[in-house]
Amino acid sequence: MISPTEPLRDGPEESSKRPSPVNRLKNHTRRLFRYAATSGISLGISEVCLLALYSSRTFGATTSALLATLAGTIPSYLLSRYWIWSEANRKRVGRQVVLYWATSFAAMAITSFGTGAITHAAPGDHRAHVVFAGAAFLALNVVLWVTKYVVYQKIIFRPHHQPVAETA
């Protein structure tokens, strides 16, 4: 059973040992489960915000998607940092924050402009456009899900035992 509060350990108990392949797979499966749960929470928040803002005609589809993504990104960051990748190297927290938000802003731009473009091109009245906006927003987030996981896992929240890539 996956414990929702147990920290994940990619790093070894002793600095000279790496976890066994079985333990790495177990830890990766837990992390992926936590990432999926976190994504579900943040996407749920974002989708509700998008539909509320756009269906009420408060904002257009693009601005609604932008604000909705921002609303979901804040809890996503906190859950990512403190629950999914709690054991990540904390020596460079500023780097993690900048890279996380850069990734989030790139995803925000893709989902916002993509949702706006698809909704603008959709046939029908405003009610139909709300359905297209919700579906486009959901589809774009699902497509970006894997990409963001890889970026978070390999670049932003690297475990202690993975060296930081040097830049020239």
C-alpha atoms as a PDB file:
ATOM      1  CA  MET A   1       0.000   0.000   0.000  1.00  0.00           C
ATOM      2  CA  ILE A   2       1.273   3.469  -0.825  1.00  0.00           C
ATOM      3  CA  SER A   3       1.488   5.636   2.228  1.00  0.00           C
ATOM      4  CA  PRO A   4       0.380   9.204   1.469  1.00  0.00           C
ATOM      5  CA  THR A   5       2.657  10.680   4.135  1.00  0.00           C
ATOM      6  CA  GLU A   6       5.763   8.487   3.925  1.00  0.00           C
ATOM      7  CA  PRO A   7       8.631  10.406   2.283  1.00  0.00           C
ATOM      8  CA  LEU A   8      10.046   8.879  -0.869  1.00  0.00           C
ATOM      9  CA  ARG A   9      13.716   8.048  -0.892  1.00  0.00           C
ATOM     10  CA  ASP A  10      15.535   7.842  -4.172  1.00  0.00           C
ATOM     11  CA  GLY A  11      18.761   8.517  -2.356  1.00  0.00           C
ATOM     12  CA  PRO A  12      20.593   5.785  -0.468  1.00  0.00           C
ATOM     13  CA  GLU A  13      20.573   5.363   3.293  1.00  0.00           C
ATOM     14  CA  GLU A  14      24.341   5.688   3.131  1.00  0.00           C
ATOM     15  CA  SER A  15      25.880   8.039   0.591  1.00  0.00           C
ATOM     16  CA  SER A  16      27.996   5.247  -0.969  1.00  0.00           C
ATOM     17  CA  LYS A  17      25.034   2.963  -1.813  1.00  0.00           C
ATOM     18  CA  ARG A  18      22.323   3.317  -4.430  1.00  0.00           C
ATOM     19  CA  PRO A  19      18.892   1.821  -3.874  1.00  0.00           C
ATOM     20  CA  SER A  20      18.204  -1.531  -5.491  1.00  0.00           C
ATOM     21  CA  PRO A  21      16.297  -1.590  -8.783  1.00  0.00           C
ATOM     22  CA  VAL A  22      13.245  -2.955  -6.945  1.00  0.00           C
ATOM     23  CA  ASN A  23      13.329  -0.098  -4.427  1.00  0.00           C
ATOM     24  CA  ARG A  24      13.846   2.455  -7.200  1.00  0.00           C
ATOM     25  CA  LEU A  25      10.823   1.072  -9.068  1.00  0.00           C
ATOM     26  CA  LYS A  26       8.746   1.085  -5.877  1.00  0.00           C
ATOM     27  CA  ASN A  27       9.759   4.673  -5.122  1.00  0.00           C
ATOM     28  CA  HIS A  28       9.138   5.767  -8.704  1.00  0.00           C
ATOM     29  CA  THR A  29       5.678   4.161  -8.647  1.00  0.00           C
ATOM     30  CA  ARG A  30       4.843   6.012  -5.419  1.00  0.00           C
ATOM     31  CA  ARG A  31       6.110   9.270  -6.873  1.00  0.00           C
ATOM     32  CA  LEU A  32       4.090   8.780 -10.052  1.00  0.00           C
ATOM     33  CA  PHE A  33       0.975   8.024  -7.981  1.00  0.00           C
ATOM     34  CA  ARG A  34       1.534  11.195  -5.934  1.00  0.00           C
ATOM     35  CA  TYR A  35       2.144  13.209  -9.099  1.00  0.00           C
ATOM     36  CA  ALA A  36      -1.093  11.891 -10.593  1.00  0.00           C
ATOM     37  CA  ALA A  37      -3.004  12.753  -7.406  1.00  0.00           C
ATOM     38  CA  THR A  38      -1.476  16.237  -7.280  1.00  0.00           C
ATOM     39  CA  SER A  39      -2.216  16.774 -10.966  1.00  0.00           C
ATOM     40  CA  GLY A  40      -5.800  15.651 -10.451  1.00  0.00           C
ATOM     41  CA  ILE A  41      -6.255  18.121  -7.606  1.00  0.00           C
ATOM     42  CA  SER A  42      -4.709  21.053  -9.466  1.00  0.00           C
ATOM     43  CA  LEU A  43      -6.469  20.217 -12.735  1.00  0.00           C
ATOM     44  CA  GLY A  44      -9.788  19.969 -10.894  1.00  0.00           C
ATOM     45  CA  ILE A  45      -9.240  23.412  -9.373  1.00  0.00           C
ATOM     46  CA  SER A  46      -8.186  24.826 -12.742  1.00  0.00           C
ATOM     47  CA  GLU A  47     -11.062  23.281 -14.695  1.00  0.00           C
ATOM     48  CA  VAL A  48     -13.672  24.606 -12.238  1.00  0.00           C
ATOM     49  CA  CYS A  49     -12.103  28.081 -12.377  1.00  0.00           C
ATOM     50  CA  LEU A  50     -11.991  28.007 -16.188  1.00  0.00           C
ATOM     51  CA  LEU A  51     -15.616  26.976 -16.540  1.00  0.00           C
ATOM     52  CA  ALA A  52     -16.802  29.483 -13.921  1.00  0.00           C
ATOM     53  CA  LEU A  53     -14.879  32.407 -15.436  1.00  0.00           C
ATOM     54  CA  TYR A  54     -15.669  31.630 -19.072  1.00  0.00           C
ATOM     55  CA  SER A  55     -19.279  30.504 -18.740  1.00  0.00           C
ATOM     56  CA  SER A  56     -20.119  33.628 -16.712  1.00  0.00           C
ATOM     57  CA  ARG A  57     -18.563  35.721 -19.489  1.00  0.00           C
ATOM     58  CA  THR A  58     -16.267  37.341 -16.946  1.00  0.00           C
ATOM     59  CA  PHE A  59     -13.304  36.784 -19.268  1.00  0.00           C
ATOM     60  CA  GLY A  60     -12.644  35.308 -22.682  1.00  0.00           C
ATOM     61  CA  ALA A  61     -11.412  31.742 -23.068  1.00  0.00           C
ATOM     62  CA  THR A  62      -7.707  32.627 -23.179  1.00  0.00           C
ATOM     63  CA  THR A  63      -7.737  34.821 -20.059  1.00  0.00           C
ATOM     64  CA  SER A  64      -9.986  32.368 -18.225  1.00  0.00           C
ATOM     65  CA  ALA A  65      -7.571  29.529 -19.037  1.00  0.00           C
ATOM     66  CA  LEU A  66      -4.612  31.622 -17.891  1.00  0.00           C
ATOM     67  CA  LEU A  67      -6.217  32.499 -14.551  1.00  0.00           C
ATOM     68  CA  ALA A  68      -7.479  28.945 -14.094  1.00  0.00           C
ATOM     69  CA  THR A  69      -4.024  27.479 -14.684  1.00  0.00           C
ATOM     70  CA  LEU A  70      -2.527  29.930 -12.218  1.00  0.00           C
ATOM     71  CA  ALA A  71      -5.110  28.946  -9.596  1.00  0.00           C
ATOM     72  CA  GLY A  72      -4.145  25.277  -9.965  1.00  0.00           C
ATOM     73  CA  THR A  73      -0.398  25.886 -10.137  1.00  0.00           C
ATOM     74  CA  ILE A  74      -0.086  27.252  -6.593  1.00  0.00           C
ATOM     75  CA  PRO A  75      -1.321  24.100  -4.789  1.00  0.00           C
ATOM     76  CA  SER A  76       0.514  21.995  -7.376  1.00  0.00           C
ATOM     77  CA  TYR A  77       3.838  23.650  -6.513  1.00  0.00           C
ATOM     78  CA  LEU A  78       3.349  23.157  -2.781  1.00  0.00           C
ATOM     79  CA  LEU A  79       2.339  19.517  -3.160  1.00  0.00           C
ATOM     80  CA  SER A  80       5.188  18.879  -5.604  1.00  0.00           C
ATOM     81  CA  ARG A  81       7.825  20.366  -3.361  1.00  0.00           C
ATOM     82  CA  TYR A  82       6.686  19.037  -0.009  1.00  0.00           C
ATOM     83  CA  TRP A  83       4.927  15.749  -0.861  1.00  0.00           C
ATOM     84  CA  ILE A  84       6.044  14.322  -4.206  1.00  0.00           C
ATOM     85  CA  TRP A  85       9.697  15.381  -4.167  1.00  0.00           C
ATOM     86  CA  SER A  86      10.172  16.024  -0.443  1.00  0.00           C
ATOM     87  CA  GLU A  87      13.677  14.527  -0.518  1.00  0.00           C
ATOM     88  CA  ALA A  88      14.901  16.682  -3.404  1.00  0.00           C
ATOM     89  CA  ASN A  89      18.150  18.530  -2.972  1.00  0.00           C
ATOM     90  CA  ARG A  90      17.388  21.717  -1.016  1.00  0.00           C
ATOM     91  CA  LYS A  91      20.776  23.353  -1.551  1.00  0.00           C
ATOM     92  CA  ARG A  92      19.450  25.241  -4.567  1.00  0.00           C
ATOM     93  CA  VAL A  93      15.860  26.099  -3.644  1.00  0.00           C
ATOM     94  CA  GLY A  94      15.953  29.336  -5.641  1.00  0.00           C
ATOM     95  CA  ARG A  95      16.862  27.350  -8.754  1.00  0.00           C
ATOM     96  CA  GLN A  96      13.942  24.966  -8.102  1.00  0.00           C
ATOM     97  CA  VAL A  97      11.480  27.823  -7.696  1.00  0.00           C
ATOM     98  CA  VAL A  98      12.631  29.605 -10.861  1.00  0.00           C
ATOM     99  CA  LEU A  99      12.629  26.424 -12.963  1.00  0.00           C
ATOM    100  CA  TYR A 100       9.265  25.269 -11.600  1.00  0.00           C
ATOM    101  CA  TRP A 101       7.601  28.572 -12.383  1.00  0.00           C
ATOM    102  CA  ALA A 102       9.306  28.811 -15.803  1.00  0.00           C
ATOM    103  CA  THR A 103       7.911  25.364 -16.616  1.00  0.00           C
ATOM    104  CA  SER A 104       4.522  26.407 -15.260  1.00  0.00           C
ATOM    105  CA  PHE A 105       4.457  29.630 -17.279  1.00  0.00           C
ATOM    106  CA  ALA A 106       5.364  27.728 -20.464  1.00  0.00           C
ATOM    107  CA  ALA A 107       2.538  25.243 -19.794  1.00  0.00           C
ATOM    108  CA  MET A 108       0.247  28.151 -18.896  1.00  0.00           C
ATOM    109  CA  ALA A 109       0.965  29.836 -22.232  1.00  0.00           C
ATOM    110  CA  ILE A 110       0.345  26.628 -24.185  1.00  0.00           C
ATOM    111  CA  THR A 111      -2.921  25.814 -22.398  1.00  0.00           C
ATOM    112  CA  SER A 112      -4.188  29.403 -22.417  1.00  0.00           C
ATOM    113  CA  PHE A 113      -3.499  30.212 -26.058  1.00  0.00           C
ATOM    114  CA  GLY A 114      -4.454  26.694 -27.162  1.00  0.00           C
ATOM    115  CA  THR A 115      -7.751  26.835 -25.284  1.00  0.00           C
ATOM    116  CA  GLY A 116      -8.465  30.289 -26.656  1.00  0.00           C
ATOM    117  CA  ALA A 117      -7.677  29.288 -30.253  1.00  0.00           C
ATOM    118  CA  ILE A 118      -9.725  26.086 -30.136  1.00  0.00           C
ATOM    119  CA  THR A 119     -12.662  27.864 -28.506  1.00  0.00           C
ATOM    120  CA  HIS A 120     -12.494  30.734 -31.007  1.00  0.00           C
ATOM    121  CA  ALA A 121     -12.552  28.272 -33.924  1.00  0.00           C
ATOM    122  CA  ALA A 122     -15.362  26.176 -32.452  1.00  0.00           C
ATOM    123  CA  PRO A 123     -18.808  26.352 -34.011  1.00  0.00           C
ATOM    124  CA  GLY A 124     -21.951  27.169 -32.084  1.00  0.00           C
ATOM    125  CA  ASP A 125     -23.148  29.528 -29.397  1.00  0.00           C
ATOM    126  CA  HIS A 126     -21.556  30.448 -26.077  1.00  0.00           C
ATOM    127  CA  ARG A 127     -22.762  27.247 -24.399  1.00  0.00           C
ATOM    128  CA  ALA A 128     -21.018  25.163 -27.067  1.00  0.00           C
ATOM    129  CA  HIS A 129     -17.896  27.295 -26.707  1.00  0.00           C
ATOM    130  CA  VAL A 130     -17.859  26.595 -22.948  1.00  0.00           C
ATOM    131  CA  VAL A 131     -17.873  22.866 -23.697  1.00  0.00           C
ATOM    132  CA  PHE A 132     -15.066  23.292 -26.247  1.00  0.00           C
ATOM    133  CA  ALA A 133     -13.069  25.434 -23.799  1.00  0.00           C
ATOM    134  CA  GLY A 134     -13.380  22.835 -21.042  1.00  0.00           C
ATOM    135  CA  ALA A 135     -12.483  19.948 -23.353  1.00  0.00           C
ATOM    136  CA  ALA A 136      -9.557  21.779 -24.965  1.00  0.00           C
ATOM    137  CA  PHE A 137      -8.175  22.845 -21.589  1.00  0.00           C
ATOM    138  CA  LEU A 138      -8.413  19.282 -20.272  1.00  0.00           C
ATOM    139  CA  ALA A 139      -6.843  17.749 -23.395  1.00  0.00           C
ATOM    140  CA  LEU A 140      -3.940  20.196 -23.449  1.00  0.00           C
ATOM    141  CA  ASN A 141      -3.215  19.566 -19.770  1.00  0.00           C
ATOM    142  CA  VAL A 142      -3.248  15.811 -20.300  1.00  0.00           C
ATOM    143  CA  VAL A 143      -0.776  16.156 -23.181  1.00  0.00           C
ATOM    144  CA  LEU A 144       1.552  18.317 -21.061  1.00  0.00           C
ATOM    145  CA  TRP A 145       1.287  16.009 -18.024  1.00  0.00           C
ATOM    146  CA  VAL A 146       4.064  13.599 -19.049  1.00  0.00           C
ATOM    147  CA  THR A 147       6.383  16.351 -20.246  1.00  0.00           C
ATOM    148  CA  LYS A 148       6.093  18.235 -16.963  1.00  0.00           C
ATOM    149  CA  TYR A 149       6.685  15.062 -14.937  1.00  0.00           C
ATOM    150  CA  VAL A 150       9.944  14.397 -16.777  1.00  0.00           C
ATOM    151  CA  VAL A 151      11.080  18.010 -16.311  1.00  0.00           C
ATOM    152  CA  TYR A 152      10.228  17.935 -12.595  1.00  0.00           C
ATOM    153  CA  GLN A 153      11.851  14.540 -12.028  1.00  0.00           C
ATOM    154  CA  LYS A 154      15.032  14.992 -14.087  1.00  0.00           C
ATOM    155  CA  ILE A 155      15.726  18.713 -13.823  1.00  0.00           C
ATOM    156  CA  ILE A 156      13.888  20.564 -11.069  1.00  0.00           C
ATOM    157  CA  PHE A 157      13.477  18.172  -8.123  1.00  0.00           C
ATOM    158  CA  ARG A 158      16.493  15.913  -8.622  1.00  0.00           C
ATOM    159  CA  PRO A 159      17.199  13.584  -5.702  1.00  0.00           C
ATOM    160  CA  HIS A 160      20.353  14.146  -3.647  1.00  0.00           C
ATOM    161  CA  HIS A 161      22.391  11.476  -5.444  1.00  0.00           C
ATOM    162  CA  GLN A 162      21.924  12.940  -8.930  1.00  0.00           C
ATOM    163  CA  PRO A 163      24.556  15.545  -9.803  1.00  0.00           C
ATOM    164  CA  VAL A 164      23.506  18.993 -10.939  1.00  0.00           C
ATOM    165  CA  ALA A 165      24.284  19.523 -14.627  1.00  0.00           C
ATOM    166  CA  GLU A 166      26.969  22.130 -15.059  1.00  0.00           C
ATOM    167  CA  THR A 167      26.316  25.005 -17.424  1.00  0.00           C
ATOM    168  CA  ALA A 168      29.089  26.723 -19.330  1.00  0.00           C
END
